[in-house]
């Protein structure tokens, strides 16, 4: 029995492999209990592994590091004829985004450059937000990677990945009695 068919496709397996590994040990600060710290680290490692198995980002990438905060959120929809991937990149211009195909992996990279100024009387304020982001999506085996098309509109990158006819032929509806 092929157990792979029971689990959903993991679009993010290469992305979690690209993520830096968390440090294996952290030096305890004065007054901390070393066994308690070790147990805390082991629990964090265990939770990260569980989350990666379900295609979710690790706790470290979600809460621990600043580049993870710049990672754009995305939606993946599966239809009979195609996959539709919507990537939210507010404040990023189309010229600052690159989309590439690397060994059946879709790589979305870009850079956010934003600056706002406010001057009132003697108060001056300038806020800047700069940073690079990268998302790596493993395409399913039925994806037609030669036919991928992308559009950009109002801060949303939409990538359409057609599915092969072979996938449609192997799918059939089962009547409910």
C-alpha atoms as a PDB file:
ATOM      1  CA  UNK A   1       0.000   0.000   0.000  1.00  0.00           C
ATOM      2  CA  UNK A   2       1.374   3.408  -1.000  1.00  0.00           C
ATOM      3  CA  UNK A   3       1.082   5.605   2.112  1.00  0.00           C
ATOM      4  CA  UNK A   4       2.252   8.699   0.194  1.00  0.00           C
ATOM      5  CA  UNK A   5      -1.201   8.911  -1.434  1.00  0.00           C
ATOM      6  CA  UNK A   6      -2.793   9.335   1.997  1.00  0.00           C
ATOM      7  CA  UNK A   7      -0.810  12.428   2.941  1.00  0.00           C
ATOM      8  CA  UNK A   8      -1.407  15.793   1.216  1.00  0.00           C
ATOM      9  CA  UNK A   9       1.221  17.178  -1.161  1.00  0.00           C
ATOM     10  CA  UNK A  10       3.870  19.115   0.725  1.00  0.00           C
ATOM     11  CA  UNK A  11       4.479  22.258  -1.301  1.00  0.00           C
ATOM     12  CA  UNK A  12       6.987  23.559   1.279  1.00  0.00           C
ATOM     13  CA  UNK A  13       9.432  20.665   1.757  1.00  0.00           C
ATOM     14  CA  UNK A  14      12.300  22.436  -0.028  1.00  0.00           C
ATOM     15  CA  UNK A  15      11.577  25.714   1.717  1.00  0.00           C
ATOM     16  CA  UNK A  16      11.971  24.157   5.158  1.00  0.00           C
ATOM     17  CA  UNK A  17      15.156  22.447   3.969  1.00  0.00           C
ATOM     18  CA  UNK A  18      16.568  25.871   2.964  1.00  0.00           C
ATOM     19  CA  UNK A  19      15.855  27.291   6.414  1.00  0.00           C
ATOM     20  CA  UNK A  20      18.849  27.525   8.718  1.00  0.00           C
ATOM     21  CA  UNK A  21      18.965  24.869  11.393  1.00  0.00           C
ATOM     22  CA  UNK A  22      18.283  26.117  14.910  1.00  0.00           C
ATOM     23  CA  UNK A  23      21.319  26.130  17.185  1.00  0.00           C
ATOM     24  CA  UNK A  24      21.761  22.783  18.889  1.00  0.00           C
ATOM     25  CA  UNK A  25      22.703  24.227  22.245  1.00  0.00           C
ATOM     26  CA  UNK A  26      22.228  27.560  23.948  1.00  0.00           C
ATOM     27  CA  UNK A  27      24.465  28.627  26.769  1.00  0.00           C
ATOM     28  CA  UNK A  28      22.393  28.962  29.943  1.00  0.00           C
ATOM     29  CA  UNK A  29      22.368  32.338  31.633  1.00  0.00           C
ATOM     30  CA  UNK A  30      23.247  32.670  35.268  1.00  0.00           C
ATOM     31  CA  UNK A  31      20.468  31.400  37.516  1.00  0.00           C
ATOM     32  CA  UNK A  32      18.792  29.241  34.836  1.00  0.00           C
ATOM     33  CA  UNK A  33      18.313  25.548  35.396  1.00  0.00           C
ATOM     34  CA  UNK A  34      20.249  23.665  32.733  1.00  0.00           C
ATOM     35  CA  UNK A  35      17.968  20.577  32.673  1.00  0.00           C
ATOM     36  CA  UNK A  36      14.900  22.785  32.296  1.00  0.00           C
ATOM     37  CA  UNK A  37      16.517  24.699  29.438  1.00  0.00           C
ATOM     38  CA  UNK A  38      17.461  21.433  27.720  1.00  0.00           C
ATOM     39  CA  UNK A  39      13.890  20.173  28.021  1.00  0.00           C
ATOM     40  CA  UNK A  40      12.589  23.449  26.564  1.00  0.00           C
ATOM     41  CA  UNK A  41      14.966  23.181  23.572  1.00  0.00           C
ATOM     42  CA  UNK A  42      14.014  19.567  22.965  1.00  0.00           C
ATOM     43  CA  UNK A  43      10.298  20.434  23.021  1.00  0.00           C
ATOM     44  CA  UNK A  44      10.915  23.269  20.513  1.00  0.00           C
ATOM     45  CA  UNK A  45      12.831  20.904  18.215  1.00  0.00           C
ATOM     46  CA  UNK A  46      10.063  18.310  18.450  1.00  0.00           C
ATOM     47  CA  UNK A  47       7.341  20.878  17.625  1.00  0.00           C
ATOM     48  CA  UNK A  48       9.337  22.201  14.651  1.00  0.00           C
ATOM     49  CA  UNK A  49       9.688  18.689  13.239  1.00  0.00           C
ATOM     50  CA  UNK A  50       5.956  17.999  13.642  1.00  0.00           C
ATOM     51  CA  UNK A  51       5.037  21.286  11.959  1.00  0.00           C
ATOM     52  CA  UNK A  52       7.411  20.648   9.040  1.00  0.00           C
ATOM     53  CA  UNK A  53       5.874  17.216   8.435  1.00  0.00           C
ATOM     54  CA  UNK A  54       2.523  18.901   7.866  1.00  0.00           C
ATOM     55  CA  UNK A  55       4.016  21.533   5.552  1.00  0.00           C
ATOM     56  CA  UNK A  56       3.766  24.340   8.090  1.00  0.00           C
ATOM     57  CA  UNK A  57       6.563  26.824   8.795  1.00  0.00           C
ATOM     58  CA  UNK A  58       8.665  26.168  11.857  1.00  0.00           C
ATOM     59  CA  UNK A  59       8.182  28.124  15.067  1.00  0.00           C
ATOM     60  CA  UNK A  60      11.569  29.762  14.605  1.00  0.00           C
ATOM     61  CA  UNK A  61      10.718  31.072  11.125  1.00  0.00           C
ATOM     62  CA  UNK A  62       7.318  32.232  12.326  1.00  0.00           C
ATOM     63  CA  UNK A  63       8.352  34.011  15.535  1.00  0.00           C
ATOM     64  CA  UNK A  64      12.109  33.941  15.975  1.00  0.00           C
ATOM     65  CA  UNK A  65      13.779  35.765  13.141  1.00  0.00           C
ATOM     66  CA  UNK A  66      13.007  39.032  11.393  1.00  0.00           C
ATOM     67  CA  UNK A  67      13.376  37.749   7.779  1.00  0.00           C
ATOM     68  CA  UNK A  68      10.486  35.390   8.502  1.00  0.00           C
ATOM     69  CA  UNK A  69       8.298  38.425   9.097  1.00  0.00           C
ATOM     70  CA  UNK A  70       8.976  39.636   5.550  1.00  0.00           C
ATOM     71  CA  UNK A  71       7.894  36.331   4.040  1.00  0.00           C
ATOM     72  CA  UNK A  72       4.791  36.967   1.955  1.00  0.00           C
ATOM     73  CA  UNK A  73       1.719  34.895   2.739  1.00  0.00           C
ATOM     74  CA  UNK A  74       0.314  32.762  -0.022  1.00  0.00           C
ATOM     75  CA  UNK A  75      -2.767  30.757  -0.926  1.00  0.00           C
ATOM     76  CA  UNK A  76      -2.696  27.603  -3.042  1.00  0.00           C
ATOM     77  CA  UNK A  77      -5.905  26.454  -4.731  1.00  0.00           C
ATOM     78  CA  UNK A  78      -6.263  23.156  -6.575  1.00  0.00           C
ATOM     79  CA  UNK A  79      -8.690  22.946  -9.490  1.00  0.00           C
ATOM     80  CA  UNK A  80      -9.318  20.183 -12.023  1.00  0.00           C
ATOM     81  CA  UNK A  81      -7.200  21.847 -14.711  1.00  0.00           C
ATOM     82  CA  UNK A  82      -4.722  23.981 -12.750  1.00  0.00           C
ATOM     83  CA  UNK A  83      -3.195  25.099  -9.483  1.00  0.00           C
ATOM     84  CA  UNK A  84      -3.579  28.781  -8.626  1.00  0.00           C
ATOM     85  CA  UNK A  85      -1.018  30.313  -6.273  1.00  0.00           C
ATOM     86  CA  UNK A  86      -1.738  33.811  -4.920  1.00  0.00           C
ATOM     87  CA  UNK A  87       1.125  35.607  -3.189  1.00  0.00           C
ATOM     88  CA  UNK A  88       0.423  38.767  -1.181  1.00  0.00           C
ATOM     89  CA  UNK A  89       3.225  41.308  -1.631  1.00  0.00           C
ATOM     90  CA  UNK A  90       1.834  44.703  -0.570  1.00  0.00           C
ATOM     91  CA  UNK A  91       4.202  47.608  -1.068  1.00  0.00           C
ATOM     92  CA  UNK A  92       6.358  45.634  -3.527  1.00  0.00           C
ATOM     93  CA  UNK A  93       6.556  46.668  -7.149  1.00  0.00           C
ATOM     94  CA  UNK A  94       6.391  44.174  -9.998  1.00  0.00           C
ATOM     95  CA  UNK A  95       9.959  44.998 -11.077  1.00  0.00           C
ATOM     96  CA  UNK A  96      11.235  43.911  -7.624  1.00  0.00           C
ATOM     97  CA  UNK A  97       9.860  40.353  -7.913  1.00  0.00           C
ATOM     98  CA  UNK A  98      11.485  37.439  -9.728  1.00  0.00           C
ATOM     99  CA  UNK A  99       9.846  34.126 -10.468  1.00  0.00           C
ATOM    100  CA  UNK A 100      12.017  31.158 -11.475  1.00  0.00           C
ATOM    101  CA  UNK A 101      11.718  27.428 -11.994  1.00  0.00           C
ATOM    102  CA  UNK A 102      14.517  25.365 -10.467  1.00  0.00           C
ATOM    103  CA  UNK A 103      14.323  21.575 -10.833  1.00  0.00           C
ATOM    104  CA  UNK A 104      10.496  21.371 -10.556  1.00  0.00           C
ATOM    105  CA  UNK A 105      10.515  23.962  -7.752  1.00  0.00           C
ATOM    106  CA  UNK A 106       8.919  27.381  -8.098  1.00  0.00           C
ATOM    107  CA  UNK A 107      11.146  30.067  -6.544  1.00  0.00           C
ATOM    108  CA  UNK A 108       9.569  33.443  -5.733  1.00  0.00           C
ATOM    109  CA  UNK A 109      12.039  36.130  -4.669  1.00  0.00           C
ATOM    110  CA  UNK A 110      11.764  39.830  -4.179  1.00  0.00           C
ATOM    111  CA  UNK A 111      12.720  42.887  -2.238  1.00  0.00           C
ATOM    112  CA  UNK A 112      10.547  45.309  -0.319  1.00  0.00           C
ATOM    113  CA  UNK A 113      11.637  48.944  -0.223  1.00  0.00           C
ATOM    114  CA  UNK A 114       9.264  51.306   1.475  1.00  0.00           C
ATOM    115  CA  UNK A 115       9.734  54.715   3.031  1.00  0.00           C
ATOM    116  CA  UNK A 116       7.219  57.085   4.588  1.00  0.00           C
ATOM    117  CA  UNK A 117       7.866  60.632   5.810  1.00  0.00           C
ATOM    118  CA  UNK A 118       5.821  62.863   8.078  1.00  0.00           C
ATOM    119  CA  UNK A 119       6.783  66.370   9.089  1.00  0.00           C
ATOM    120  CA  UNK A 120       4.629  68.455  11.422  1.00  0.00           C
ATOM    121  CA  UNK A 121       6.066  71.566  13.007  1.00  0.00           C
ATOM    122  CA  UNK A 122       9.244  70.508  14.787  1.00  0.00           C
ATOM    123  CA  UNK A 123       8.417  66.793  14.690  1.00  0.00           C
ATOM    124  CA  UNK A 124      10.033  64.781  11.943  1.00  0.00           C
ATOM    125  CA  UNK A 125       9.489  61.121  11.299  1.00  0.00           C
ATOM    126  CA  UNK A 126      10.884  58.825   8.626  1.00  0.00           C
ATOM    127  CA  UNK A 127      10.053  55.124   8.643  1.00  0.00           C
ATOM    128  CA  UNK A 128      11.748  52.668   6.348  1.00  0.00           C
ATOM    129  CA  UNK A 129      11.074  49.041   5.645  1.00  0.00           C
ATOM    130  CA  UNK A 130      13.632  47.102   3.599  1.00  0.00           C
ATOM    131  CA  UNK A 131      14.163  43.424   3.186  1.00  0.00           C
ATOM    132  CA  UNK A 132      14.410  40.477   0.854  1.00  0.00           C
ATOM    133  CA  UNK A 133      12.053  37.515   0.804  1.00  0.00           C
ATOM    134  CA  UNK A 134      12.147  34.074  -0.779  1.00  0.00           C
ATOM    135  CA  UNK A 135       9.507  31.361  -1.066  1.00  0.00           C
ATOM    136  CA  UNK A 136      10.271  27.938  -2.551  1.00  0.00           C
ATOM    137  CA  UNK A 137       7.357  25.733  -3.630  1.00  0.00           C
ATOM    138  CA  UNK A 138       7.768  22.120  -4.715  1.00  0.00           C
ATOM    139  CA  UNK A 139       5.451  21.475  -7.636  1.00  0.00           C
ATOM    140  CA  UNK A 140       3.372  18.272  -7.647  1.00  0.00           C
ATOM    141  CA  UNK A 141       4.208  15.642 -10.254  1.00  0.00           C
ATOM    142  CA  UNK A 142       1.152  16.511 -12.390  1.00  0.00           C
ATOM    143  CA  UNK A 143       2.176  20.171 -12.780  1.00  0.00           C
ATOM    144  CA  UNK A 144       2.965  21.312 -16.330  1.00  0.00           C
ATOM    145  CA  UNK A 145       5.959  23.474 -15.440  1.00  0.00           C
ATOM    146  CA  UNK A 146       6.543  24.577 -19.065  1.00  0.00           C
ATOM    147  CA  UNK A 147       3.125  26.267 -19.193  1.00  0.00           C
ATOM    148  CA  UNK A 148       3.288  28.361 -15.985  1.00  0.00           C
ATOM    149  CA  UNK A 149       1.893  31.894 -16.301  1.00  0.00           C
ATOM    150  CA  UNK A 150       2.046  34.750 -13.797  1.00  0.00           C
ATOM    151  CA  UNK A 151       0.263  38.087 -13.408  1.00  0.00           C
ATOM    152  CA  UNK A 152       0.687  40.928 -10.945  1.00  0.00           C
ATOM    153  CA  UNK A 153      -2.133  43.248  -9.891  1.00  0.00           C
ATOM    154  CA  UNK A 154      -2.528  45.557  -6.867  1.00  0.00           C
ATOM    155  CA  UNK A 155       0.098  43.865  -4.699  1.00  0.00           C
ATOM    156  CA  UNK A 156      -0.956  40.286  -5.482  1.00  0.00           C
ATOM    157  CA  UNK A 157       1.148  37.945  -7.615  1.00  0.00           C
ATOM    158  CA  UNK A 158      -1.021  35.213  -9.176  1.00  0.00           C
ATOM    159  CA  UNK A 159       0.741  32.157 -10.600  1.00  0.00           C
ATOM    160  CA  UNK A 160      -1.249  29.646 -12.660  1.00  0.00           C
ATOM    161  CA  UNK A 161       0.246  26.168 -12.981  1.00  0.00           C
ATOM    162  CA  UNK A 162      -1.661  23.937 -15.439  1.00  0.00           C
ATOM    163  CA  UNK A 163      -2.149  20.279 -14.553  1.00  0.00           C
ATOM    164  CA  UNK A 164      -1.391  17.493 -17.015  1.00  0.00           C
ATOM    165  CA  UNK A 165      -4.162  15.626 -18.817  1.00  0.00           C
ATOM    166  CA  UNK A 166      -2.869  12.427 -17.210  1.00  0.00           C
ATOM    167  CA  UNK A 167      -4.059  13.677 -13.811  1.00  0.00           C
ATOM    168  CA  UNK A 168      -7.541  14.395 -15.172  1.00  0.00           C
ATOM    169  CA  UNK A 169      -7.731  10.964 -16.823  1.00  0.00           C
ATOM    170  CA  UNK A 170      -6.898   9.124 -13.607  1.00  0.00           C
ATOM    171  CA  UNK A 171      -9.573  10.997 -11.663  1.00  0.00           C
ATOM    172  CA  UNK A 172     -13.163   9.783 -11.680  1.00  0.00           C
ATOM    173  CA  UNK A 173     -16.258  10.550  -9.709  1.00  0.00           C
ATOM    174  CA  UNK A 174     -17.774   7.840  -7.520  1.00  0.00           C
ATOM    175  CA  UNK A 175     -21.551   7.909  -7.193  1.00  0.00           C
ATOM    176  CA  UNK A 176     -23.000   7.977  -3.670  1.00  0.00           C
ATOM    177  CA  UNK A 177     -25.731   5.423  -3.110  1.00  0.00           C
END
